[in-house]
Amino acid sequence: MEQSDKPAPQWYAVLVKSRHEFKVTDRLTLKGVETFLPTMDRISKWKDRKKLISFPLFPGYLFVHTTNEAANLLNVLKVSGVVRMLCTIPGVPDPIPEEQITSLRTLVENKEALDPYPYLTEGQRVRITMGALAGVEGILEKKLDKHILVLSVDVLQQGVALTINAGEVERV
């Protein structure tokens, strides 16, 4: 029985040139790299019309699913529009926990009213227990009389907020 020494793919954050998120996503996809660009839809108004437009949830960032092998990282970094991969130690990109990407995907796919939210390190970690967002984890905050679930992406030091019913969450 042979065991492969090839590392498992992980999610990494990529910083891209301003307003190049969609172009870089397309270029990486053409190269066979799995990407995730979380977006939110907003209505843009002009004098003569309104249009629903997708905006990146985290402007300037997207996520790639690849191994940390030098050839694969170089394959990402060589794409036009990529600035760098986020690293704590230079040259060693920081992996993003699979749970954070899964929760972010669930929020984006359910088309809930998302708002960018400042990164939080303190607060109550909770998991939604009911409805279409069951299983999504985040930090529970209170804003006036509403409860807010904040999903933080640690490596980006950014988050996204969603208004929820506090009775639909449990402690993690």
Protein backbone atom coordinates (compact mmCIF):
# COMPACT_ATOMS: atom_id res chain seq x y z
CA MET A 1 0.00 0.00 0.00
CA GLU A 2 1.60 3.24 -1.18
CA GLN A 3 1.05 6.43 0.74
CA SER A 4 1.22 9.72 -1.09
CA ASP A 5 3.42 12.45 0.39
CA LYS A 6 1.55 15.05 -1.63
CA PRO A 7 0.01 17.67 0.70
CA ALA A 8 -3.77 18.07 0.73
CA PRO A 9 -5.14 21.22 -0.91
CA GLN A 10 -6.12 24.03 1.44
CA TRP A 11 -7.78 27.42 1.04
CA TYR A 12 -5.59 30.51 0.85
CA ALA A 13 -6.38 34.23 0.56
CA VAL A 14 -5.02 36.12 -2.43
CA LEU A 15 -4.65 39.90 -2.58
CA VAL A 16 -5.39 41.23 -6.07
CA LYS A 17 -5.14 44.61 -7.77
CA SER A 18 -7.98 46.99 -7.06
CA ARG A 19 -11.14 46.08 -9.00
CA HIS A 20 -9.50 42.97 -10.54
CA GLU A 21 -11.29 40.34 -8.43
CA PHE A 22 -13.53 39.00 -11.22
CA LYS A 23 -10.77 39.08 -13.87
CA VAL A 24 -8.28 37.24 -11.65
CA THR A 25 -10.94 34.66 -10.71
CA ASP A 26 -11.54 33.99 -14.43
CA ARG A 27 -7.81 33.75 -15.17
CA LEU A 28 -7.18 31.33 -12.29
CA THR A 29 -10.16 29.19 -13.30
CA LEU A 30 -8.77 28.95 -16.86
CA LYS A 31 -5.51 27.67 -15.34
CA GLY A 32 -7.44 24.96 -13.49
CA VAL A 33 -7.17 26.55 -10.02
CA GLU A 34 -10.29 26.27 -7.85
CA THR A 35 -11.35 29.72 -6.67
CA PHE A 36 -14.00 31.25 -4.46
CA LEU A 37 -14.94 34.92 -4.79
CA PRO A 38 -17.71 35.72 -2.29
CA THR A 39 -20.00 38.42 -3.69
CA MET A 40 -23.03 40.39 -2.61
CA ASP A 41 -25.68 41.86 -4.88
CA ARG A 42 -26.56 45.54 -4.60
CA ILE A 43 -28.82 47.76 -6.63
CA SER A 44 -26.90 50.53 -8.40
CA LYS A 45 -28.91 53.58 -9.36
CA TRP A 46 -28.27 55.89 -12.26
CA LYS A 47 -30.41 58.80 -13.44
CA ASP A 48 -32.25 56.67 -15.99
CA ARG A 49 -32.21 53.14 -14.51
CA LYS A 50 -31.45 50.72 -11.69
CA LYS A 51 -29.40 47.56 -12.03
CA LEU A 52 -28.51 44.66 -9.70
CA ILE A 53 -24.72 44.39 -9.59
CA SER A 54 -22.45 41.84 -7.86
CA PHE A 55 -19.69 43.31 -5.71
CA PRO A 56 -16.89 41.39 -3.97
CA LEU A 57 -17.74 40.90 -0.30
CA PHE A 58 -14.07 41.46 0.57
CA PRO A 59 -12.78 44.00 -1.98
CA GLY A 60 -9.27 43.16 -3.16
CA TYR A 61 -9.37 39.53 -2.03
CA LEU A 62 -10.36 36.11 -3.32
CA PHE A 63 -9.67 32.57 -2.17
CA VAL A 64 -7.84 29.73 -3.93
CA HIS A 65 -7.91 26.01 -3.14
CA THR A 66 -4.48 24.53 -3.82
CA THR A 67 -1.57 22.79 -2.15
CA ASN A 68 1.32 24.74 -0.66
CA GLU A 69 3.80 23.19 -3.08
CA ALA A 70 6.06 25.80 -4.67
CA ALA A 71 4.92 25.02 -8.24
CA ASN A 72 1.23 25.43 -7.35
CA LEU A 73 1.81 28.64 -5.40
CA LEU A 74 3.87 30.05 -8.27
CA ASN A 75 1.07 29.09 -10.68
CA VAL A 76 -1.25 31.37 -8.66
CA LEU A 77 1.25 34.20 -8.15
CA LYS A 78 2.10 34.41 -11.87
CA VAL A 79 -1.49 35.27 -12.84
CA SER A 80 -1.90 38.84 -14.03
CA GLY A 81 -3.60 40.93 -11.35
CA VAL A 82 -2.41 38.85 -8.38
CA VAL A 83 -0.41 40.95 -5.91
CA ARG A 84 0.45 38.30 -3.30
CA MET A 85 -0.87 35.55 -1.08
CA LEU A 86 -1.50 36.48 2.55
CA CYS A 87 1.30 35.25 4.81
CA THR A 88 2.34 35.67 8.43
CA ILE A 89 5.76 34.15 7.69
CA PRO A 90 7.13 35.52 4.39
CA GLY A 91 6.77 32.96 1.59
CA VAL A 92 4.50 30.64 3.60
CA PRO A 93 0.82 31.42 2.88
CA ASP A 94 -1.58 31.08 5.81
CA PRO A 95 -4.24 28.41 5.22
CA ILE A 96 -7.84 29.34 5.95
CA PRO A 97 -9.86 26.80 7.97
CA GLU A 98 -12.28 24.84 5.76
CA GLU A 99 -15.13 25.70 8.18
CA GLN A 100 -14.74 29.44 7.50
CA ILE A 101 -14.94 28.91 3.72
CA THR A 102 -17.91 26.52 4.08
CA SER A 103 -19.81 28.98 6.30
CA LEU A 104 -19.03 31.86 3.94
CA ARG A 105 -20.23 29.83 0.93
CA THR A 106 -23.49 29.01 2.73
CA LEU A 107 -24.14 32.69 3.53
CA VAL A 108 -23.39 33.83 -0.03
CA GLU A 109 -25.40 31.03 -1.70
CA ASN A 110 -28.48 31.80 0.41
CA LYS A 111 -28.53 35.42 -0.85
CA GLU A 112 -29.10 36.81 2.63
CA ALA A 113 -28.66 40.55 3.21
CA LEU A 114 -24.94 40.64 3.98
CA ASP A 115 -22.97 43.65 5.14
CA PRO A 116 -19.20 43.86 5.47
CA TYR A 117 -18.37 43.97 9.17
CA PRO A 118 -15.20 44.88 11.04
CA TYR A 119 -13.03 41.95 12.09
CA LEU A 120 -13.71 40.74 15.63
CA THR A 121 -11.59 38.58 17.91
CA GLU A 122 -13.82 38.82 20.97
CA GLY A 123 -17.45 37.82 21.39
CA GLN A 124 -19.61 34.73 21.58
CA ARG A 125 -19.06 32.01 18.97
CA VAL A 126 -22.40 30.58 17.85
CA ARG A 127 -23.83 28.18 15.29
CA ILE A 128 -27.19 28.66 13.54
CA THR A 129 -29.40 25.65 14.35
CA MET A 130 -32.45 26.15 12.10
CA GLY A 131 -33.39 27.09 8.57
CA ALA A 132 -31.37 27.33 5.38
CA LEU A 133 -28.31 28.62 7.26
CA ALA A 134 -28.17 25.77 9.80
CA GLY A 135 -24.56 24.95 10.63
CA VAL A 136 -23.14 28.39 9.86
CA GLU A 137 -20.83 29.50 12.68
CA GLY A 138 -19.85 33.00 13.69
CA ILE A 139 -19.73 35.52 16.52
CA LEU A 140 -22.94 36.81 18.04
CA GLU A 141 -23.10 40.56 18.58
CA LYS A 142 -26.00 42.76 19.66
CA LYS A 143 -26.76 45.94 17.73
CA LEU A 144 -29.61 47.97 19.22
CA ASP A 145 -32.50 45.48 19.51
CA LYS A 146 -31.23 43.12 16.80
CA HIS A 147 -28.82 40.22 17.01
CA ILE A 148 -26.07 40.05 14.46
CA LEU A 149 -24.09 36.95 13.44
CA VAL A 150 -20.58 37.93 12.39
CA LEU A 151 -18.59 35.47 10.31
CA SER A 152 -14.91 36.38 10.56
CA VAL A 153 -12.26 35.34 8.07
CA ASP A 154 -9.22 35.39 10.34
CA VAL A 155 -6.49 35.63 7.72
CA LEU A 156 -8.17 38.64 6.03
CA GLN A 157 -9.01 40.24 9.37
CA GLN A 158 -12.42 41.03 7.91
CA GLY A 159 -15.90 39.75 8.49
CA VAL A 160 -19.45 39.80 7.24
CA ALA A 161 -22.60 40.44 9.30
CA LEU A 162 -26.10 38.96 9.06
CA THR A 163 -29.17 39.84 11.17
CA ILE A 164 -30.55 36.71 12.84
CA ASN A 165 -33.02 35.55 15.46
CA ALA A 166 -30.96 34.82 18.60
CA GLY A 167 -33.27 31.88 19.35
CA GLU A 168 -31.93 30.10 16.28
CA VAL A 169 -28.35 29.82 17.48
CA GLU A 170 -26.44 27.66 19.94
CA ARG A 171 -23.09 28.06 21.67
CA VAL A 172 -20.16 26.41 19.93
